[in-house]
Amino acid sequence: MMTWAREAKLDTADVDLVDITDIHGLPSEVGAWTEKRALIVRRFDRDQKRRIHIEDFAQILNTYSESKYKFANYETVGKIIPLTQRCWLFYSSSAYLISSAKK
């Protein structure tokens, strides 16, 4: 899905699926998981030269992270995004999510 999103020209993090047995230092409980692959995501919010501050909608809506799904939905996000002048990002991401939904 992330590869498809990148090919659709959406800004995505670098990701890969790897076999869990190839990851060293995991807790022993991981061996009991039924899923044998893991999604790895390259950090996009910092490197050796810079740190990019990332806010989620819990911060924007002034709520705790564990409550963010109670107060925010796509309608709420859709009303806030135009205020940031990044409407195209919301609409292109929404179009991607809708078109990639499993039926």
PDB file of N, CA and C in Angstrom:
ATOM      1  N   MET A   1       0.817  -1.197   0.000  1.00  0.00           N
ATOM      2  CA  MET A   1       0.000   0.000   0.000  1.00  0.00           C
ATOM      3  C   MET A   1       0.863   1.264   0.000  1.00  0.00           C
ATOM      4  N   MET A   2       1.938   1.247   0.772  1.00  0.00           N
ATOM      5  CA  MET A   2       2.793   2.439   0.819  1.00  0.00           C
ATOM      6  C   MET A   2       3.477   2.664  -0.521  1.00  0.00           C
ATOM      7  N   THR A   3       3.865   1.579  -1.179  1.00  0.00           N
ATOM      8  CA  THR A   3       4.480   1.712  -2.504  1.00  0.00           C
ATOM      9  C   THR A   3       3.474   2.306  -3.474  1.00  0.00           C
ATOM     10  N   TRP A   4       2.238   1.844  -3.392  1.00  0.00           N
ATOM     11  CA  TRP A   4       1.184   2.373  -4.255  1.00  0.00           C
ATOM     12  C   TRP A   4       0.971   3.856  -3.967  1.00  0.00           C
ATOM     13  N   ALA A   5       0.957   4.229  -2.703  1.00  0.00           N
ATOM     14  CA  ALA A   5       0.788   5.639  -2.338  1.00  0.00           C
ATOM     15  C   ALA A   5       1.929   6.479  -2.901  1.00  0.00           C
ATOM     16  N   ARG A   6       3.155   5.977  -2.809  1.00  0.00           N
ATOM     17  CA  ARG A   6       4.306   6.712  -3.347  1.00  0.00           C
ATOM     18  C   ARG A   6       4.173   6.865  -4.865  1.00  0.00           C
ATOM     19  N   GLU A   7       3.753   5.793  -5.536  1.00  0.00           N
ATOM     20  CA  GLU A   7       3.576   5.859  -6.985  1.00  0.00           C
ATOM     21  C   GLU A   7       2.435   6.795  -7.376  1.00  0.00           C
ATOM     22  N   ALA A   8       1.501   7.016  -6.443  1.00  0.00           N
ATOM     23  CA  ALA A   8       0.409   7.967  -6.669  1.00  0.00           C
ATOM     24  C   ALA A   8       0.849   9.387  -6.341  1.00  0.00           C
ATOM     25  N   LYS A   9       2.154   9.573  -6.110  1.00  0.00           N
ATOM     26  CA  LYS A   9       2.774  10.882  -5.851  1.00  0.00           C
ATOM     27  C   LYS A   9       2.434  11.449  -4.483  1.00  0.00           C
ATOM     28  N   LEU A  10       2.035  10.587  -3.535  1.00  0.00           N
ATOM     29  CA  LEU A  10       1.846  11.035  -2.159  1.00  0.00           C
ATOM     30  C   LEU A  10       3.184  10.929  -1.444  1.00  0.00           C
ATOM     31  N   ASP A  11       3.443  11.861  -0.553  1.00  0.00           N
ATOM     32  CA  ASP A  11       4.688  11.872   0.201  1.00  0.00           C
ATOM     33  C   ASP A  11       4.609  10.784   1.267  1.00  0.00           C
ATOM     34  N   THR A  12       5.461   9.780   1.174  1.00  0.00           N
ATOM     35  CA  THR A  12       5.428   8.672   2.120  1.00  0.00           C
ATOM     36  C   THR A  12       6.817   8.437   2.704  1.00  0.00           C
ATOM     37  N   ALA A  13       6.837   7.794   3.839  1.00  0.00           N
ATOM     38  CA  ALA A  13       8.109   7.379   4.433  1.00  0.00           C
ATOM     39  C   ALA A  13       8.648   6.182   3.652  1.00  0.00           C
ATOM     40  N   ASP A  14       9.960   5.973   3.710  1.00  0.00           N
ATOM     41  CA  ASP A  14      10.561   4.783   3.112  1.00  0.00           C
ATOM     42  C   ASP A  14      10.207   3.591   3.990  1.00  0.00           C
ATOM     43  N   VAL A  15       9.647   2.552   3.382  1.00  0.00           N
ATOM     44  CA  VAL A  15       9.200   1.381   4.134  1.00  0.00           C
ATOM     45  C   VAL A  15       9.652   0.103   3.445  1.00  0.00           C
ATOM     46  N   ASP A  16       9.607  -0.983   4.206  1.00  0.00           N
ATOM     47  CA  ASP A  16       9.896  -2.299   3.652  1.00  0.00           C
ATOM     48  C   ASP A  16       9.263  -3.339   4.565  1.00  0.00           C
ATOM     49  N   LEU A  17       8.927  -4.497   4.008  1.00  0.00           N
ATOM     50  CA  LEU A  17       8.463  -5.633   4.794  1.00  0.00           C
ATOM     51  C   LEU A  17       9.629  -6.597   4.934  1.00  0.00           C
ATOM     52  N   VAL A  18       9.921  -6.997   6.163  1.00  0.00           N
ATOM     53  CA  VAL A  18      11.037  -7.906   6.401  1.00  0.00           C
ATOM     54  C   VAL A  18      10.568  -9.091   7.239  1.00  0.00           C
ATOM     55  N   ASP A  19      11.279 -10.181   7.121  1.00  0.00           N
ATOM     56  CA  ASP A  19      11.012 -11.359   7.930  1.00  0.00           C
ATOM     57  C   ASP A  19      11.427 -11.052   9.370  1.00  0.00           C
ATOM     58  N   ILE A  20      10.553 -11.363  10.316  1.00  0.00           N
ATOM     59  CA  ILE A  20      10.830 -11.057  11.722  1.00  0.00           C
ATOM     60  C   ILE A  20      12.116 -11.729  12.196  1.00  0.00           C
ATOM     61  N   THR A  21      12.423 -12.901  11.654  1.00  0.00           N
ATOM     62  CA  THR A  21      13.639 -13.598  12.090  1.00  0.00           C
ATOM     63  C   THR A  21      14.903 -12.865  11.670  1.00  0.00           C
ATOM     64  N   ASP A  22      14.785 -11.919  10.748  1.00  0.00           N
ATOM     65  CA  ASP A  22      15.943 -11.131  10.320  1.00  0.00           C
ATOM     66  C   ASP A  22      16.207  -9.923  11.222  1.00  0.00           C
ATOM     67  N   ILE A  23      15.323  -9.685  12.196  1.00  0.00           N
ATOM     68  CA  ILE A  23      15.472  -8.544  13.103  1.00  0.00           C
ATOM     69  C   ILE A  23      16.073  -9.050  14.409  1.00  0.00           C
ATOM     70  N   HIS A  24      17.212  -8.531  14.765  1.00  0.00           N
ATOM     71  CA  HIS A  24      17.913  -8.977  15.973  1.00  0.00           C
ATOM     72  C   HIS A  24      17.529  -8.116  17.175  1.00  0.00           C
ATOM     73  N   GLY A  25      17.480  -8.739  18.348  1.00  0.00           N
ATOM     74  CA  GLY A  25      17.229  -8.010  19.587  1.00  0.00           C
ATOM     75  C   GLY A  25      15.768  -7.861  19.956  1.00  0.00           C
ATOM     76  N   LEU A  26      14.866  -8.588  19.297  1.00  0.00           N
ATOM     77  CA  LEU A  26      13.446  -8.496  19.635  1.00  0.00           C
ATOM     78  C   LEU A  26      13.145  -9.323  20.886  1.00  0.00           C
ATOM     79  N   PRO A  27      12.122  -8.941  21.655  1.00  0.00           N
ATOM     80  CA  PRO A  27      11.738  -9.729  22.831  1.00  0.00           C
ATOM     81  C   PRO A  27      11.314 -11.143  22.417  1.00  0.00           C
ATOM     82  N   SER A  28      11.447 -12.105  23.306  1.00  0.00           N
ATOM     83  CA  SER A  28      11.124 -13.504  22.991  1.00  0.00           C
ATOM     84  C   SER A  28       9.648 -13.700  22.646  1.00  0.00           C
ATOM     85  N   GLU A  29       8.761 -12.844  23.164  1.00  0.00           N
ATOM     86  CA  GLU A  29       7.324 -12.977  22.883  1.00  0.00           C
ATOM     87  C   GLU A  29       7.018 -12.845  21.394  1.00  0.00           C
ATOM     88  N   VAL A  30       7.888 -12.204  20.668  1.00  0.00           N
ATOM     89  CA  VAL A  30       7.659 -11.998  19.238  1.00  0.00           C
ATOM     90  C   VAL A  30       7.549 -13.336  18.517  1.00  0.00           C
ATOM     91  N   GLY A  31       8.236 -14.360  19.001  1.00  0.00           N
ATOM     92  CA  GLY A  31       8.175 -15.678  18.379  1.00  0.00           C
ATOM     93  C   GLY A  31       6.781 -16.279  18.393  1.00  0.00           C
ATOM     94  N   ALA A  32       5.916 -15.819  19.293  1.00  0.00           N
ATOM     95  CA  ALA A  32       4.550 -16.336  19.383  1.00  0.00           C
ATOM     96  C   ALA A  32       3.587 -15.635  18.431  1.00  0.00           C
ATOM     97  N   TRP A  33       4.026 -14.573  17.799  1.00  0.00           N
ATOM     98  CA  TRP A  33       3.149 -13.852  16.876  1.00  0.00           C
ATOM     99  C   TRP A  33       2.810 -14.727  15.684  1.00  0.00           C
ATOM    100  N   THR A  34       1.601 -14.587  15.186  1.00  0.00           N
ATOM    101  CA  THR A  34       1.218 -15.337  13.984  1.00  0.00           C
ATOM    102  C   THR A  34       1.751 -14.657  12.732  1.00  0.00           C
ATOM    103  N   GLU A  35       1.900 -13.356  12.784  1.00  0.00           N
ATOM    104  CA  GLU A  35       2.453 -12.623  11.634  1.00  0.00           C
ATOM    105  C   GLU A  35       3.965 -12.778  11.660  1.00  0.00           C
ATOM    106  N   LYS A  36       4.524 -13.179  10.556  1.00  0.00           N
ATOM    107  CA  LYS A  36       5.967 -13.442  10.509  1.00  0.00           C
ATOM    108  C   LYS A  36       6.756 -12.351   9.798  1.00  0.00           C
ATOM    109  N   ARG A  37       6.071 -11.315   9.352  1.00  0.00           N
ATOM    110  CA  ARG A  37       6.774 -10.195   8.727  1.00  0.00           C
ATOM    111  C   ARG A  37       6.487  -8.927   9.513  1.00  0.00           C
ATOM    112  N   ALA A  38       7.400  -7.987   9.395  1.00  0.00           N
ATOM    113  CA  ALA A  38       7.253  -6.706  10.094  1.00  0.00           C
ATOM    114  C   ALA A  38       7.429  -5.572   9.091  1.00  0.00           C
ATOM    115  N   LEU A  39       6.682  -4.517   9.309  1.00  0.00           N
ATOM    116  CA  LEU A  39       6.832  -3.304   8.506  1.00  0.00           C
ATOM    117  C   LEU A  39       7.904  -2.452   9.170  1.00  0.00           C
ATOM    118  N   ILE A  40       8.953  -2.142   8.430  1.00  0.00           N
ATOM    119  CA  ILE A  40       9.966  -1.235   8.959  1.00  0.00           C
ATOM    120  C   ILE A  40       9.819   0.103   8.246  1.00  0.00           C
ATOM    121  N   VAL A  41       9.964   1.162   9.000  1.00  0.00           N
ATOM    122  CA  VAL A  41       9.776   2.515   8.478  1.00  0.00           C
ATOM    123  C   VAL A  41      11.015   3.332   8.820  1.00  0.00           C
ATOM    124  N   ARG A  42      11.626   3.908   7.799  1.00  0.00           N
ATOM    125  CA  ARG A  42      12.784   4.776   8.034  1.00  0.00           C
ATOM    126  C   ARG A  42      12.287   6.067   8.680  1.00  0.00           C
ATOM    127  N   ARG A  43      12.979   6.500   9.719  1.00  0.00           N
ATOM    128  CA  ARG A  43      12.592   7.754  10.370  1.00  0.00           C
ATOM    129  C   ARG A  43      12.643   8.887   9.364  1.00  0.00           C
ATOM    130  N   PHE A  44      11.577   9.637   9.316  1.00  0.00           N
ATOM    131  CA  PHE A  44      11.510  10.780   8.404  1.00  0.00           C
ATOM    132  C   PHE A  44      11.530  12.099   9.159  1.00  0.00           C
ATOM    133  N   ASP A  45      11.429  12.024  10.467  1.00  0.00           N
ATOM    134  CA  ASP A  45      11.304  13.243  11.264  1.00  0.00           C
ATOM    135  C   ASP A  45      12.634  13.762  11.793  1.00  0.00           C
ATOM    136  N   ARG A  46      13.712  13.040  11.546  1.00  0.00           N
ATOM    137  CA  ARG A  46      15.016  13.540  11.980  1.00  0.00           C
ATOM    138  C   ARG A  46      16.132  12.796  11.261  1.00  0.00           C
ATOM    139  N   ASP A  47      17.238  13.493  11.153  1.00  0.00           N
ATOM    140  CA  ASP A  47      18.472  12.894  10.662  1.00  0.00           C
ATOM    141  C   ASP A  47      19.622  13.542  11.425  1.00  0.00           C
ATOM    142  N   GLN A  48      20.840  13.407  10.944  1.00  0.00           N
ATOM    143  CA  GLN A  48      21.984  13.951  11.684  1.00  0.00           C
ATOM    144  C   GLN A  48      22.011  15.476  11.697  1.00  0.00           C
ATOM    145  N   LYS A  49      21.338  16.106  10.762  1.00  0.00           N
ATOM    146  CA  LYS A  49      21.409  17.565  10.640  1.00  0.00           C
ATOM    147  C   LYS A  49      20.158  18.296  11.104  1.00  0.00           C
ATOM    148  N   ARG A  50      19.030  17.618  11.144  1.00  0.00           N
ATOM    149  CA  ARG A  50      17.796  18.352  11.432  1.00  0.00           C
ATOM    150  C   ARG A  50      16.777  17.469  12.131  1.00  0.00           C
ATOM    151  N   ARG A  51      15.848  18.142  12.773  1.00  0.00           N
ATOM    152  CA  ARG A  51      14.693  17.482  13.380  1.00  0.00           C
ATOM    153  C   ARG A  51      13.448  18.196  12.894  1.00  0.00           C
ATOM    154  N   ILE A  52      12.512  17.440  12.394  1.00  0.00           N
ATOM    155  CA  ILE A  52      11.261  18.005  11.900  1.00  0.00           C
ATOM    156  C   ILE A  52      10.198  17.773  12.969  1.00  0.00           C
ATOM    157  N   HIS A  53       9.605  18.851  13.452  1.00  0.00           N
ATOM    158  CA  HIS A  53       8.549  18.722  14.450  1.00  0.00           C
ATOM    159  C   HIS A  53       7.282  18.212  13.766  1.00  0.00           C
ATOM    160  N   ILE A  54       6.701  17.190  14.328  1.00  0.00           N
ATOM    161  CA  ILE A  54       5.488  16.588  13.783  1.00  0.00           C
ATOM    162  C   ILE A  54       4.375  16.764  14.810  1.00  0.00           C
ATOM    163  N   GLU A  55       3.244  17.263  14.367  1.00  0.00           N
ATOM    164  CA  GLU A  55       2.073  17.359  15.231  1.00  0.00           C
ATOM    165  C   GLU A  55       1.010  16.423  14.704  1.00  0.00           C
ATOM    166  N   ASP A  56       0.289  15.796  15.605  1.00  0.00           N
ATOM    167  CA  ASP A  56      -0.856  15.018  15.162  1.00  0.00           C
ATOM    168  C   ASP A  56      -2.122  15.786  15.544  1.00  0.00           C
ATOM    169  N   PHE A  57      -3.252  15.251  15.158  1.00  0.00           N
ATOM    170  CA  PHE A  57      -4.482  15.992  15.402  1.00  0.00           C
ATOM    171  C   PHE A  57      -4.868  16.033  16.874  1.00  0.00           C
ATOM    172  N   ALA A  58      -4.310  15.164  17.699  1.00  0.00           N
ATOM    173  CA  ALA A  58      -4.555  15.287  19.134  1.00  0.00           C
ATOM    174  C   ALA A  58      -3.996  16.615  19.633  1.00  0.00           C
ATOM    175  N   GLN A  59      -2.808  16.980  19.165  1.00  0.00           N
ATOM    176  CA  GLN A  59      -2.226  18.263  19.568  1.00  0.00           C
ATOM    177  C   GLN A  59      -3.042  19.422  19.014  1.00  0.00           C
ATOM    178  N   ILE A  60      -3.416  19.323  17.754  1.00  0.00           N
ATOM    179  CA  ILE A  60      -4.172  20.404  17.129  1.00  0.00           C
ATOM    180  C   ILE A  60      -5.520  20.597  17.816  1.00  0.00           C
ATOM    181  N   LEU A  61      -6.162  19.477  18.205  1.00  0.00           N
ATOM    182  CA  LEU A  61      -7.471  19.543  18.852  1.00  0.00           C
ATOM    183  C   LEU A  61      -7.371  19.680  20.371  1.00  0.00           C
ATOM    184  N   ASN A  62      -6.136  19.800  20.880  1.00  0.00           N
ATOM    185  CA  ASN A  62      -5.899  19.981  22.310  1.00  0.00           C
ATOM    186  C   ASN A  62      -6.546  18.865  23.137  1.00  0.00           C
ATOM    187  N   THR A  63      -6.261  17.615  22.745  1.00  0.00           N
ATOM    188  CA  THR A  63      -6.773  16.462  23.475  1.00  0.00           C
ATOM    189  C   THR A  63      -5.644  15.456  23.675  1.00  0.00           C
ATOM    190  N   TYR A  64      -5.835  14.529  24.573  1.00  0.00           N
ATOM    191  CA  TYR A  64      -4.830  13.496  24.812  1.00  0.00           C
ATOM    192  C   TYR A  64      -4.832  12.487  23.670  1.00  0.00           C
ATOM    193  N   SER A  65      -3.674  11.901  23.405  1.00  0.00           N
ATOM    194  CA  SER A  65      -3.533  10.947  22.299  1.00  0.00           C
ATOM    195  C   SER A  65      -4.551   9.819  22.370  1.00  0.00           C
ATOM    196  N   GLU A  66      -4.786   9.291  23.564  1.00  0.00           N
ATOM    197  CA  GLU A  66      -5.715   8.163  23.679  1.00  0.00           C
ATOM    198  C   GLU A  66      -7.165   8.562  23.380  1.00  0.00           C
ATOM    199  N   SER A  67      -7.465   9.852  23.339  1.00  0.00           N
ATOM    200  CA  SER A  67      -8.826  10.322  23.053  1.00  0.00           C
ATOM    201  C   SER A  67      -8.995  10.862  21.645  1.00  0.00           C
ATOM    202  N   LYS A  68      -7.924  10.911  20.869  1.00  0.00           N
ATOM    203  CA  LYS A  68      -8.005  11.610  19.588  1.00  0.00           C
ATOM    204  C   LYS A  68      -9.023  11.001  18.638  1.00  0.00           C
ATOM    205  N   TYR A  69      -9.260   9.694  18.709  1.00  0.00           N
ATOM    206  CA  TYR A  69     -10.216   9.087  17.787  1.00  0.00           C
ATOM    207  C   TYR A  69     -11.660   9.316  18.218  1.00  0.00           C
ATOM    208  N   LYS A  70     -11.861   9.777  19.437  1.00  0.00           N
ATOM    209  CA  LYS A  70     -13.205  10.124  19.890  1.00  0.00           C
ATOM    210  C   LYS A  70     -13.615  11.506  19.383  1.00  0.00           C
ATOM    211  N   PHE A  71     -12.630  12.389  19.201  1.00  0.00           N
ATOM    212  CA  PHE A  71     -12.926  13.773  18.859  1.00  0.00           C
ATOM    213  C   PHE A  71     -12.655  14.127  17.407  1.00  0.00           C
ATOM    214  N   ALA A  72     -11.856  13.328  16.734  1.00  0.00           N
ATOM    215  CA  ALA A  72     -11.490  13.667  15.355  1.00  0.00           C
ATOM    216  C   ALA A  72     -11.929  12.564  14.410  1.00  0.00           C
ATOM    217  N   ASN A  73     -12.437  12.988  13.284  1.00  0.00           N
ATOM    218  CA  ASN A  73     -12.764  12.075  12.202  1.00  0.00           C
ATOM    219  C   ASN A  73     -12.439  12.811  10.907  1.00  0.00           C
ATOM    220  N   TYR A  74     -12.711  12.201   9.775  1.00  0.00           N
ATOM    221  CA  TYR A  74     -12.354  12.856   8.517  1.00  0.00           C
ATOM    222  C   TYR A  74     -13.102  14.172   8.316  1.00  0.00           C
ATOM    223  N   GLU A  75     -14.304  14.274   8.842  1.00  0.00           N
ATOM    224  CA  GLU A  75     -15.039  15.538   8.720  1.00  0.00           C
ATOM    225  C   GLU A  75     -14.318  16.643   9.501  1.00  0.00           C
ATOM    226  N   THR A  76     -13.900  16.339  10.729  1.00  0.00           N
ATOM    227  CA  THR A  76     -13.168  17.320  11.539  1.00  0.00           C
ATOM    228  C   THR A  76     -11.868  17.716  10.863  1.00  0.00           C
ATOM    229  N   VAL A  77     -11.123  16.713  10.405  1.00  0.00           N
ATOM    230  CA  VAL A  77      -9.856  16.983   9.723  1.00  0.00           C
ATOM    231  C   VAL A  77     -10.102  17.820   8.471  1.00  0.00           C
ATOM    232  N   GLY A  78     -11.145  17.475   7.722  1.00  0.00           N
ATOM    233  CA  GLY A  78     -11.476  18.218   6.505  1.00  0.00           C
ATOM    234  C   GLY A  78     -11.804  19.678   6.763  1.00  0.00           C
ATOM    235  N   LYS A  79     -12.321  19.988   7.938  1.00  0.00           N
ATOM    236  CA  LYS A  79     -12.625  21.384   8.274  1.00  0.00           C
ATOM    237  C   LYS A  79     -11.380  22.151   8.726  1.00  0.00           C
ATOM    238  N   ILE A  80     -10.417  21.442   9.302  1.00  0.00           N
ATOM    239  CA  ILE A  80      -9.204  22.092   9.802  1.00  0.00           C
ATOM    240  C   ILE A  80      -8.171  22.288   8.705  1.00  0.00           C
ATOM    241  N   ILE A  81      -8.005  21.305   7.843  1.00  0.00           N
ATOM    242  CA  ILE A  81      -6.955  21.346   6.815  1.00  0.00           C
ATOM    243  C   ILE A  81      -7.010  22.608   5.956  1.00  0.00           C
ATOM    244  N   PRO A  82      -8.186  23.066   5.493  1.00  0.00           N
ATOM    245  CA  PRO A  82      -8.179  24.283   4.663  1.00  0.00           C
ATOM    246  C   PRO A  82      -7.571  25.494   5.361  1.00  0.00           C
ATOM    247  N   LEU A  83      -7.590  25.502   6.665  1.00  0.00           N
ATOM    248  CA  LEU A  83      -6.997  26.611   7.407  1.00  0.00           C
ATOM    249  C   LEU A  83      -5.476  26.608   7.307  1.00  0.00           C
ATOM    250  N   THR A  84      -4.903  25.484   6.925  1.00  0.00           N
ATOM    251  CA  THR A  84      -3.448  25.371   6.822  1.00  0.00           C
ATOM    252  C   THR A  84      -2.943  25.612   5.408  1.00  0.00           C
ATOM    253  N   GLN A  85      -3.815  25.831   4.477  1.00  0.00           N
ATOM    254  CA  GLN A  85      -3.478  26.041   3.067  1.00  0.00           C
ATOM    255  C   GLN A  85      -2.817  24.809   2.457  1.00  0.00           C
ATOM    256  N   ARG A  86      -3.148  23.630   2.979  1.00  0.00           N
ATOM    257  CA  ARG A  86      -2.614  22.394   2.418  1.00  0.00           C
ATOM    258  C   ARG A  86      -3.763  21.463   2.043  1.00  0.00           C
ATOM    259  N   CYS A  87      -4.838  22.027   1.508  1.00  0.00           N
ATOM    260  CA  CYS A  87      -6.018  21.240   1.145  1.00  0.00           C
ATOM    261  C   CYS A  87      -5.675  20.096   0.204  1.00  0.00           C
ATOM    262  N   TRP A  88      -4.812  20.373  -0.755  1.00  0.00           N
ATOM    263  CA  TRP A  88      -4.469  19.351  -1.746  1.00  0.00           C
ATOM    264  C   TRP A  88      -3.937  18.095  -1.086  1.00  0.00           C
ATOM    265  N   LEU A  89      -3.214  18.234   0.012  1.00  0.00           N
ATOM    266  CA  LEU A  89      -2.660  17.073   0.698  1.00  0.00           C
ATOM    267  C   LEU A  89      -3.780  16.240   1.313  1.00  0.00           C
ATOM    268  N   PHE A  90      -4.726  16.886   1.955  1.00  0.00           N
ATOM    269  CA  PHE A  90      -5.850  16.170   2.552  1.00  0.00           C
ATOM    270  C   PHE A  90      -6.667  15.475   1.482  1.00  0.00           C
ATOM    271  N   TYR A  91      -6.980  16.183   0.411  1.00  0.00           N
ATOM    272  CA  TYR A  91      -7.829  15.596  -0.623  1.00  0.00           C
ATOM    273  C   TYR A  91      -7.129  14.471  -1.369  1.00  0.00           C
ATOM    274  N   SER A  92      -5.850  14.618  -1.670  1.00  0.00           N
ATOM    275  CA  SER A  92      -5.144  13.539  -2.369  1.00  0.00           C
ATOM    276  C   SER A  92      -4.972  12.331  -1.450  1.00  0.00           C
ATOM    277  N   SER A  93      -4.695  12.563  -0.174  1.00  0.00           N
ATOM    278  CA  SER A  93      -4.577  11.449   0.773  1.00  0.00           C
ATOM    279  C   SER A  93      -5.921  10.757   0.967  1.00  0.00           C
ATOM    280  N   SER A  94      -6.990  11.532   1.046  1.00  0.00           N
ATOM    281  CA  SER A  94      -8.324  10.949   1.193  1.00  0.00           C
ATOM    282  C   SER A  94      -8.692  10.123  -0.030  1.00  0.00           C
ATOM    283  N   ALA A  95      -8.390  10.645  -1.204  1.00  0.00           N
ATOM    284  CA  ALA A  95      -8.675   9.904  -2.437  1.00  0.00           C
ATOM    285  C   ALA A  95      -7.918   8.583  -2.446  1.00  0.00           C
ATOM    286  N   TYR A  96      -6.680   8.616  -2.005  1.00  0.00           N
ATOM    287  CA  TYR A  96      -5.892   7.384  -1.930  1.00  0.00           C
ATOM    288  C   TYR A  96      -6.529   6.398  -0.954  1.00  0.00           C
ATOM    289  N   LEU A  97      -6.899   6.862   0.239  1.00  0.00           N
ATOM    290  CA  LEU A  97      -7.482   5.971   1.240  1.00  0.00           C
ATOM    291  C   LEU A  97      -8.775   5.346   0.746  1.00  0.00           C
ATOM    292  N   ILE A  98      -9.606   6.135   0.091  1.00  0.00           N
ATOM    293  CA  ILE A  98     -10.873   5.621  -0.426  1.00  0.00           C
ATOM    294  C   ILE A  98     -10.629   4.594  -1.519  1.00  0.00           C
ATOM    295  N   SER A  99      -9.727   4.905  -2.432  1.00  0.00           N
ATOM    296  CA  SER A  99      -9.494   4.000  -3.556  1.00  0.00           C
ATOM    297  C   SER A  99      -8.772   2.723  -3.144  1.00  0.00           C
ATOM    298  N   SER A 100      -8.065   2.741  -2.025  1.00  0.00           N
ATOM    299  CA  SER A 100      -7.323   1.554  -1.603  1.00  0.00           C
ATOM    300  C   SER A 100      -8.077   0.724  -0.567  1.00  0.00           C
ATOM    301  N   ALA A 101      -9.270   1.148  -0.188  1.00  0.00           N
ATOM    302  CA  ALA A 101     -10.032   0.435   0.840  1.00  0.00           C
ATOM    303  C   ALA A 101     -10.407  -0.961   0.356  1.00  0.00           C
ATOM    304  N   LYS A 102     -10.312  -1.920   1.265  1.00  0.00           N
ATOM    305  CA  LYS A 102     -10.711  -3.290   0.935  1.00  0.00           C
ATOM    306  C   LYS A 102     -12.225  -3.380   0.975  1.00  0.00           C
ATOM    307  N   LYS A 103     -12.761  -4.116   0.041  1.00  0.00           N
ATOM    308  CA  LYS A 103     -14.227  -4.271  -0.026  1.00  0.00           C
ATOM    309  C   LYS A 103     -14.661  -5.541   0.635  1.00  0.00           C
TER     310      LYS A 103
END
